[in-house]
Amino acid sequence: MHLNRIQIQIFEKLSSELNLEMEDYLFRFSKENISRTIKKLDDLTEKEADTWITKAYLKSLG
């Protein structure tokens, strides 16, 4: 299943906050967030995206 529009926007924001291209961001942080390495958004499931977004949010809280 493909990611929804909001998930895609969140990943765009997360990568831009670190001044990284989307592919670089995904490759660099995928292992940490979903326990496997990916290079493009199409490789993510909707559930994995939700998990990643939740982890990123919790990290942002400190």
C-alpha atoms as a PDB file:
ATOM      1  CA  MET A   1       0.000   0.000   0.000  1.00  0.00           C
ATOM      2  CA  HIS A   2       1.270   3.463  -0.848  1.00  0.00           C
ATOM      3  CA  LEU A   3       1.801   6.223   1.660  1.00  0.00           C
ATOM      4  CA  ASN A   4      -0.870   8.826   2.087  1.00  0.00           C
ATOM      5  CA  ARG A   5      -0.402  12.495   1.295  1.00  0.00           C
ATOM      6  CA  ILE A   6       0.149  13.511   4.929  1.00  0.00           C
ATOM      7  CA  GLN A   7       2.823  10.866   5.485  1.00  0.00           C
ATOM      8  CA  ILE A   8       4.665  12.032   2.379  1.00  0.00           C
ATOM      9  CA  GLN A   9       4.531  15.645   3.566  1.00  0.00           C
ATOM     10  CA  ILE A  10       5.908  14.640   6.969  1.00  0.00           C
ATOM     11  CA  PHE A  11       8.851  12.825   5.374  1.00  0.00           C
ATOM     12  CA  GLU A  12       9.528  15.843   3.165  1.00  0.00           C
ATOM     13  CA  LYS A  13       9.577  18.045   6.271  1.00  0.00           C
ATOM     14  CA  LEU A  14      11.784  15.662   8.261  1.00  0.00           C
ATOM     15  CA  SER A  15      14.368  15.486   5.501  1.00  0.00           C
ATOM     16  CA  SER A  16      14.335  19.223   4.807  1.00  0.00           C
ATOM     17  CA  GLU A  17      14.823  20.017   8.506  1.00  0.00           C
ATOM     18  CA  LEU A  18      18.152  18.185   8.271  1.00  0.00           C
ATOM     19  CA  ASN A  19      18.983  19.700   4.861  1.00  0.00           C
ATOM     20  CA  LEU A  20      19.045  16.231   3.305  1.00  0.00           C
ATOM     21  CA  GLU A  21      17.651  14.937   0.057  1.00  0.00           C
ATOM     22  CA  MET A  22      14.808  12.501   0.678  1.00  0.00           C
ATOM     23  CA  GLU A  23      16.847   9.489  -0.467  1.00  0.00           C
ATOM     24  CA  ASP A  24      19.756  10.425   1.808  1.00  0.00           C
ATOM     25  CA  TYR A  25      17.436  10.919   4.774  1.00  0.00           C
ATOM     26  CA  LEU A  26      15.713   7.570   4.215  1.00  0.00           C
ATOM     27  CA  PHE A  27      18.969   5.696   3.728  1.00  0.00           C
ATOM     28  CA  ARG A  28      20.595   7.294   6.773  1.00  0.00           C
ATOM     29  CA  PHE A  29      17.743   6.812   9.267  1.00  0.00           C
ATOM     30  CA  SER A  30      15.714   3.833   8.034  1.00  0.00           C
ATOM     31  CA  LYS A  31      17.686   1.158   9.889  1.00  0.00           C
ATOM     32  CA  GLU A  32      17.226   3.055  13.148  1.00  0.00           C
ATOM     33  CA  ASN A  33      13.500   3.644  12.667  1.00  0.00           C
ATOM     34  CA  ILE A  34      12.175   0.550  10.906  1.00  0.00           C
ATOM     35  CA  SER A  35      15.031  -1.964  11.325  1.00  0.00           C
ATOM     36  CA  ARG A  36      15.813  -2.229   7.623  1.00  0.00           C
ATOM     37  CA  THR A  37      17.544  -0.036   5.072  1.00  0.00           C
ATOM     38  CA  ILE A  38      15.559   1.696   2.331  1.00  0.00           C
ATOM     39  CA  LYS A  39      16.366   4.339  -0.279  1.00  0.00           C
ATOM     40  CA  LYS A  40      12.971   5.599  -1.468  1.00  0.00           C
ATOM     41  CA  LEU A  41       9.514   6.250  -0.069  1.00  0.00           C
ATOM     42  CA  ASP A  42       8.004   3.599  -2.331  1.00  0.00           C
ATOM     43  CA  ASP A  43       9.925   1.006  -0.299  1.00  0.00           C
ATOM     44  CA  LEU A  44       8.006   1.935   2.864  1.00  0.00           C
ATOM     45  CA  THR A  45       4.713   0.419   3.893  1.00  0.00           C
ATOM     46  CA  GLU A  46       2.069   2.644   5.416  1.00  0.00           C
ATOM     47  CA  LYS A  47       2.542   0.891   8.764  1.00  0.00           C
ATOM     48  CA  GLU A  48       6.327   1.392   8.671  1.00  0.00           C
ATOM     49  CA  ALA A  49       5.797   5.060   7.845  1.00  0.00           C
ATOM     50  CA  ASP A  50       3.498   5.419  10.856  1.00  0.00           C
ATOM     51  CA  THR A  51       6.093   3.745  13.083  1.00  0.00           C
ATOM     52  CA  TRP A  52       8.860   6.013  11.776  1.00  0.00           C
ATOM     53  CA  ILE A  53       6.772   9.167  12.152  1.00  0.00           C
ATOM     54  CA  THR A  54       5.833   8.213  15.711  1.00  0.00           C
ATOM     55  CA  LYS A  55       9.490   7.616  16.639  1.00  0.00           C
ATOM     56  CA  ALA A  56      10.514  10.937  15.080  1.00  0.00           C
ATOM     57  CA  TYR A  57       7.767  12.722  17.011  1.00  0.00           C
ATOM     58  CA  LEU A  58       8.774  11.127  20.311  1.00  0.00           C
ATOM     59  CA  LYS A  59      12.422  12.073  19.684  1.00  0.00           C
ATOM     60  CA  SER A  60      11.391  15.668  19.057  1.00  0.00           C
ATOM     61  CA  LEU A  61       9.838  15.810  22.528  1.00  0.00           C
ATOM     62  CA  GLY A  62      13.234  15.234  24.073  1.00  0.00           C
END
